[in-house]
N, C-alpha and C. Protein backbone atom coordinates (compact mmCIF):
# COMPACT_ATOMS: atom_id res chain seq x y z
N UNK A 1 109.65 129.14 8.97
CA UNK A 1 109.50 128.73 7.60
C UNK A 1 110.55 129.47 6.77
N UNK A 2 111.26 128.73 5.97
CA UNK A 2 112.21 129.34 5.05
C UNK A 2 111.69 129.09 3.64
N UNK A 3 111.71 130.10 2.83
CA UNK A 3 111.20 129.95 1.47
C UNK A 3 112.15 130.60 0.48
N UNK A 4 112.32 129.98 -0.64
CA UNK A 4 113.10 130.53 -1.74
C UNK A 4 112.09 130.98 -2.77
N UNK A 5 112.03 132.28 -3.03
CA UNK A 5 111.02 132.79 -3.94
C UNK A 5 111.64 133.45 -5.15
N UNK A 6 110.82 133.79 -6.07
CA UNK A 6 111.22 134.38 -7.33
C UNK A 6 110.32 135.57 -7.60
N UNK A 7 110.90 136.70 -7.91
CA UNK A 7 110.11 137.89 -8.22
C UNK A 7 109.57 137.74 -9.64
N UNK A 8 108.27 137.56 -9.76
CA UNK A 8 107.66 137.31 -11.06
C UNK A 8 107.57 138.59 -11.90
N UNK A 9 107.35 139.70 -11.26
CA UNK A 9 107.15 140.94 -12.00
C UNK A 9 108.41 141.77 -12.08
N UNK A 10 108.23 142.94 -12.62
CA UNK A 10 109.34 143.88 -12.77
C UNK A 10 109.68 144.52 -11.42
N UNK A 11 110.89 145.07 -11.33
CA UNK A 11 111.28 145.80 -10.12
C UNK A 11 110.42 147.05 -9.95
N UNK A 12 110.22 147.76 -11.03
CA UNK A 12 109.46 149.01 -11.03
C UNK A 12 108.66 149.09 -12.31
N UNK A 13 107.86 150.13 -12.44
CA UNK A 13 107.09 150.31 -13.67
C UNK A 13 107.98 150.63 -14.86
N UNK A 14 109.20 151.08 -14.62
CA UNK A 14 110.10 151.40 -15.74
C UNK A 14 111.04 150.23 -16.07
N UNK A 15 110.94 149.15 -15.32
CA UNK A 15 111.80 147.99 -15.54
C UNK A 15 111.20 147.09 -16.63
N UNK A 16 112.05 146.49 -17.43
CA UNK A 16 111.61 145.54 -18.45
C UNK A 16 112.37 144.23 -18.26
N UNK A 17 111.80 143.29 -17.49
CA UNK A 17 112.52 142.04 -17.21
C UNK A 17 112.77 141.18 -18.44
N UNK A 18 112.08 141.45 -19.55
CA UNK A 18 112.34 140.66 -20.76
C UNK A 18 113.74 140.93 -21.32
N UNK A 19 114.37 142.00 -20.85
CA UNK A 19 115.73 142.31 -21.30
C UNK A 19 116.78 141.43 -20.63
N UNK A 20 116.44 140.88 -19.46
CA UNK A 20 117.44 140.09 -18.74
C UNK A 20 116.93 138.73 -18.29
N UNK A 21 115.70 138.37 -18.66
CA UNK A 21 115.14 137.06 -18.31
C UNK A 21 114.54 136.40 -19.54
N UNK A 22 114.82 135.14 -19.68
CA UNK A 22 114.24 134.37 -20.78
C UNK A 22 112.81 133.94 -20.41
N UNK A 23 111.96 133.81 -21.43
CA UNK A 23 110.58 133.37 -21.20
C UNK A 23 110.55 132.00 -20.54
N UNK A 24 111.50 131.14 -20.88
CA UNK A 24 111.54 129.80 -20.30
C UNK A 24 111.79 129.85 -18.80
N UNK A 25 112.64 130.79 -18.36
CA UNK A 25 112.93 130.95 -16.93
C UNK A 25 111.66 131.33 -16.18
N UNK A 26 110.94 132.30 -16.70
CA UNK A 26 109.71 132.74 -16.04
C UNK A 26 108.68 131.60 -16.02
N UNK A 27 108.55 130.90 -17.13
CA UNK A 27 107.58 129.80 -17.20
C UNK A 27 107.91 128.71 -16.18
N UNK A 28 109.19 128.43 -16.02
CA UNK A 28 109.60 127.41 -15.04
C UNK A 28 109.22 127.84 -13.63
N UNK A 29 109.39 129.13 -13.31
CA UNK A 29 109.04 129.61 -11.98
C UNK A 29 107.53 129.73 -11.81
N UNK A 30 106.80 130.06 -12.86
CA UNK A 30 105.35 130.11 -12.75
C UNK A 30 104.78 128.74 -12.39
N UNK A 31 105.39 127.69 -12.90
CA UNK A 31 104.93 126.33 -12.59
C UNK A 31 105.15 125.99 -11.11
N UNK A 32 106.05 126.71 -10.45
CA UNK A 32 106.34 126.47 -9.03
C UNK A 32 105.56 127.41 -8.11
N UNK A 33 104.75 128.30 -8.66
CA UNK A 33 104.03 129.29 -7.88
C UNK A 33 103.20 128.59 -6.79
N UNK A 34 103.51 128.83 -5.52
CA UNK A 34 102.81 128.12 -4.44
C UNK A 34 101.33 128.47 -4.34
N UNK A 35 100.96 129.68 -4.71
CA UNK A 35 99.55 130.06 -4.64
C UNK A 35 98.75 129.31 -5.70
N UNK A 36 99.27 129.29 -6.91
CA UNK A 36 98.60 128.55 -7.98
C UNK A 36 98.56 127.05 -7.68
N UNK A 37 99.65 126.53 -7.13
CA UNK A 37 99.69 125.10 -6.79
C UNK A 37 98.66 124.76 -5.73
N UNK A 38 98.52 125.61 -4.71
CA UNK A 38 97.53 125.36 -3.66
C UNK A 38 96.11 125.46 -4.23
N UNK A 39 95.88 126.44 -5.08
CA UNK A 39 94.55 126.57 -5.69
C UNK A 39 94.22 125.31 -6.49
N UNK A 40 95.16 124.84 -7.29
CA UNK A 40 94.94 123.64 -8.09
C UNK A 40 94.65 122.44 -7.20
N UNK A 41 95.40 122.32 -6.11
CA UNK A 41 95.18 121.22 -5.17
C UNK A 41 93.78 121.29 -4.57
N UNK A 42 93.38 122.48 -4.11
CA UNK A 42 92.07 122.63 -3.48
C UNK A 42 90.94 122.35 -4.46
N UNK A 43 91.11 122.76 -5.70
CA UNK A 43 90.09 122.49 -6.71
C UNK A 43 90.00 120.99 -7.02
N UNK A 44 91.15 120.35 -7.21
CA UNK A 44 91.16 118.92 -7.55
C UNK A 44 90.65 118.05 -6.40
N UNK A 45 90.92 118.49 -5.17
CA UNK A 45 90.48 117.69 -4.02
C UNK A 45 89.01 117.94 -3.68
N UNK A 46 88.42 118.94 -4.32
CA UNK A 46 87.02 119.26 -4.05
C UNK A 46 86.81 120.10 -2.82
N UNK A 47 87.91 120.60 -2.22
CA UNK A 47 87.80 121.42 -1.02
C UNK A 47 87.45 122.87 -1.31
N UNK A 48 87.54 123.28 -2.57
CA UNK A 48 87.20 124.65 -2.95
C UNK A 48 86.75 124.65 -4.41
N UNK A 49 85.82 125.56 -4.70
CA UNK A 49 85.35 125.68 -6.08
C UNK A 49 85.51 127.13 -6.53
N UNK A 50 85.06 127.41 -7.74
CA UNK A 50 85.21 128.77 -8.30
C UNK A 50 84.50 129.81 -7.45
N UNK A 51 83.35 129.45 -6.90
CA UNK A 51 82.60 130.39 -6.05
C UNK A 51 83.43 130.78 -4.82
N UNK A 52 84.14 129.81 -4.25
CA UNK A 52 85.00 130.08 -3.10
C UNK A 52 86.08 131.09 -3.48
N UNK A 53 86.74 130.87 -4.60
CA UNK A 53 87.83 131.76 -5.01
C UNK A 53 87.31 133.14 -5.42
N UNK A 54 86.11 133.19 -5.99
CA UNK A 54 85.52 134.49 -6.33
C UNK A 54 85.23 135.27 -5.06
N UNK A 55 84.65 134.62 -4.07
CA UNK A 55 84.35 135.28 -2.80
C UNK A 55 85.64 135.71 -2.11
N UNK A 56 86.66 134.87 -2.17
CA UNK A 56 87.94 135.20 -1.57
C UNK A 56 88.56 136.43 -2.24
N UNK A 57 88.48 136.49 -3.55
CA UNK A 57 89.00 137.64 -4.30
C UNK A 57 88.26 138.92 -3.92
N UNK A 58 86.93 138.83 -3.83
CA UNK A 58 86.13 140.00 -3.44
C UNK A 58 86.48 140.46 -2.03
N UNK A 59 86.64 139.50 -1.12
CA UNK A 59 87.00 139.83 0.26
C UNK A 59 88.38 140.48 0.32
N UNK A 60 89.31 139.96 -0.45
CA UNK A 60 90.67 140.52 -0.42
C UNK A 60 90.69 141.92 -1.04
N UNK A 61 89.91 142.15 -2.07
CA UNK A 61 89.83 143.49 -2.68
C UNK A 61 89.24 144.49 -1.68
N UNK A 62 88.20 144.07 -0.96
CA UNK A 62 87.58 144.95 0.04
C UNK A 62 88.56 145.27 1.15
N UNK A 63 89.26 144.25 1.64
CA UNK A 63 90.25 144.46 2.68
C UNK A 63 91.38 145.36 2.19
N UNK A 64 91.87 145.10 1.00
CA UNK A 64 92.94 145.92 0.44
C UNK A 64 92.54 147.37 0.32
N UNK A 65 91.32 147.61 -0.15
CA UNK A 65 90.82 148.99 -0.28
C UNK A 65 90.76 149.66 1.08
N UNK A 66 90.24 148.94 2.07
CA UNK A 66 90.12 149.50 3.42
C UNK A 66 91.50 149.83 4.00
N UNK A 67 92.46 148.95 3.80
CA UNK A 67 93.83 149.19 4.31
C UNK A 67 94.46 150.38 3.60
N UNK A 68 94.32 150.45 2.26
CA UNK A 68 94.90 151.58 1.52
C UNK A 68 94.31 152.90 1.99
N UNK A 69 93.00 152.94 2.18
CA UNK A 69 92.35 154.16 2.64
C UNK A 69 92.84 154.55 4.03
N UNK A 70 92.99 153.57 4.91
CA UNK A 70 93.45 153.86 6.27
C UNK A 70 94.89 154.36 6.27
N UNK A 71 95.73 153.77 5.43
CA UNK A 71 97.12 154.20 5.37
C UNK A 71 97.22 155.62 4.81
N UNK A 72 96.44 155.90 3.77
CA UNK A 72 96.47 157.25 3.19
C UNK A 72 95.96 158.31 4.17
N UNK A 73 95.09 157.91 5.08
CA UNK A 73 94.54 158.85 6.06
C UNK A 73 95.46 159.08 7.25
N UNK A 74 96.50 158.27 7.37
CA UNK A 74 97.42 158.40 8.51
C UNK A 74 98.22 159.70 8.37
N UNK A 75 98.54 160.32 9.49
CA UNK A 75 99.38 161.52 9.41
C UNK A 75 100.80 161.14 9.00
N UNK A 76 101.49 162.06 8.35
CA UNK A 76 102.87 161.81 7.98
C UNK A 76 103.71 161.64 9.24
N UNK A 77 104.62 160.68 9.26
CA UNK A 77 105.47 160.51 10.43
C UNK A 77 106.51 161.63 10.51
N UNK A 78 107.03 161.82 11.69
CA UNK A 78 108.12 162.76 11.86
C UNK A 78 109.32 162.24 11.05
N UNK A 79 110.01 163.09 10.33
CA UNK A 79 111.12 162.62 9.49
C UNK A 79 112.18 161.80 10.23
N UNK A 80 112.49 162.16 11.46
CA UNK A 80 113.52 161.44 12.21
C UNK A 80 113.04 160.07 12.69
N UNK A 81 111.74 159.79 12.59
CA UNK A 81 111.21 158.51 13.04
C UNK A 81 111.76 157.34 12.23
N UNK A 82 112.23 157.61 11.02
CA UNK A 82 112.74 156.50 10.21
C UNK A 82 113.97 155.85 10.83
N UNK A 83 114.61 156.51 11.75
CA UNK A 83 115.79 155.95 12.41
C UNK A 83 115.45 155.15 13.67
N UNK A 84 114.22 155.22 14.13
CA UNK A 84 113.86 154.67 15.43
C UNK A 84 113.86 153.15 15.50
N UNK A 85 113.53 152.46 14.44
CA UNK A 85 113.38 151.01 14.53
C UNK A 85 114.25 150.28 13.50
N UNK A 86 115.38 150.89 13.15
CA UNK A 86 116.27 150.25 12.17
C UNK A 86 116.90 148.99 12.77
N UNK A 87 117.23 149.04 14.05
CA UNK A 87 117.83 147.89 14.74
C UNK A 87 117.18 147.73 16.11
N UNK A 88 117.13 146.53 16.60
CA UNK A 88 116.57 146.29 17.93
C UNK A 88 117.43 146.96 18.99
N UNK A 89 118.73 146.87 18.82
CA UNK A 89 119.67 147.52 19.73
C UNK A 89 120.27 148.72 19.01
N UNK A 90 120.87 149.62 19.76
CA UNK A 90 121.47 150.80 19.16
C UNK A 90 122.56 150.45 18.16
N UNK A 91 122.83 151.39 17.27
CA UNK A 91 123.86 151.21 16.27
C UNK A 91 124.52 152.56 16.07
N UNK A 92 125.82 152.63 16.25
CA UNK A 92 126.52 153.91 16.19
C UNK A 92 126.41 154.57 14.82
N UNK A 93 126.42 153.79 13.76
CA UNK A 93 126.29 154.37 12.42
C UNK A 93 124.91 155.02 12.24
N UNK A 94 123.88 154.34 12.70
CA UNK A 94 122.53 154.90 12.60
C UNK A 94 122.42 156.15 13.46
N UNK A 95 123.03 156.14 14.63
CA UNK A 95 123.02 157.32 15.49
C UNK A 95 123.70 158.50 14.80
N UNK A 96 124.80 158.22 14.13
CA UNK A 96 125.53 159.28 13.41
C UNK A 96 124.68 159.81 12.25
N UNK A 97 124.06 158.91 11.51
CA UNK A 97 123.22 159.33 10.39
C UNK A 97 122.01 160.13 10.87
N UNK A 98 121.44 159.73 12.02
CA UNK A 98 120.32 160.48 12.60
C UNK A 98 120.75 161.90 12.92
N UNK A 99 121.92 162.06 13.54
CA UNK A 99 122.42 163.38 13.89
C UNK A 99 122.67 164.23 12.64
N UNK A 100 123.24 163.62 11.61
CA UNK A 100 123.48 164.35 10.36
C UNK A 100 122.17 164.81 9.72
N UNK A 101 121.18 163.93 9.72
CA UNK A 101 119.89 164.27 9.13
C UNK A 101 119.20 165.36 9.94
N UNK A 102 119.30 165.29 11.27
CA UNK A 102 118.70 166.31 12.12
C UNK A 102 119.34 167.67 11.84
N UNK A 103 120.66 167.68 11.68
CA UNK A 103 121.35 168.93 11.36
C UNK A 103 120.92 169.46 9.99
N UNK A 104 120.77 168.56 9.05
CA UNK A 104 120.33 168.94 7.70
C UNK A 104 118.94 169.58 7.76
N UNK A 105 118.02 168.95 8.50
CA UNK A 105 116.68 169.50 8.63
C UNK A 105 116.69 170.84 9.36
N UNK A 106 117.54 170.95 10.37
CA UNK A 106 117.63 172.20 11.13
C UNK A 106 118.11 173.33 10.24
N UNK A 107 118.94 173.03 9.26
CA UNK A 107 119.43 174.09 8.37
C UNK A 107 118.29 174.72 7.59
N UNK A 108 117.25 173.97 7.28
CA UNK A 108 116.10 174.53 6.59
C UNK A 108 115.28 175.41 7.53
N UNK A 109 115.16 174.99 8.77
CA UNK A 109 114.43 175.77 9.77
C UNK A 109 115.16 177.09 10.01
N UNK A 110 116.50 177.04 10.08
CA UNK A 110 117.30 178.25 10.28
C UNK A 110 117.12 179.21 9.11
N UNK A 111 117.09 178.68 7.88
CA UNK A 111 116.92 179.52 6.70
C UNK A 111 115.55 180.18 6.70
N UNK A 112 114.54 179.45 7.12
CA UNK A 112 113.19 179.99 7.16
C UNK A 112 113.10 181.10 8.19
N UNK A 113 113.78 180.95 9.31
CA UNK A 113 113.77 181.98 10.36
C UNK A 113 114.47 183.24 9.88
N UNK A 114 115.56 183.09 9.12
CA UNK A 114 116.31 184.24 8.62
C UNK A 114 115.51 185.03 7.60
N UNK A 115 114.62 184.35 6.88
CA UNK A 115 113.83 185.00 5.85
C UNK A 115 112.66 185.80 6.38
N UNK A 116 112.38 185.70 7.66
CA UNK A 116 111.23 186.42 8.24
C UNK A 116 111.55 187.87 8.47
């Protein structure tokens, strides 16, 4: 499936998209929102009602809460792990960056040992 999407919200909490987007542009994309379009279709066809969507919202909130709690409970990954799955096959640039980062981290360990 290939999809062309539009970011409806801001990039970050400090971003203000009203500075670079017209209200008409956002309104045009809101009318194309696939989730809203599917909801409208399901309601008009009688395949779903407000109770269905309320239950779905409650279920998604419960699932989201459970996932957030599980992620927060996970141990921090090893710092060098971020290089492990950047590419399916090896990449010399990533290997070089991994080595540089490992040396950088080792410099902190060396400083800590010297301070003892």
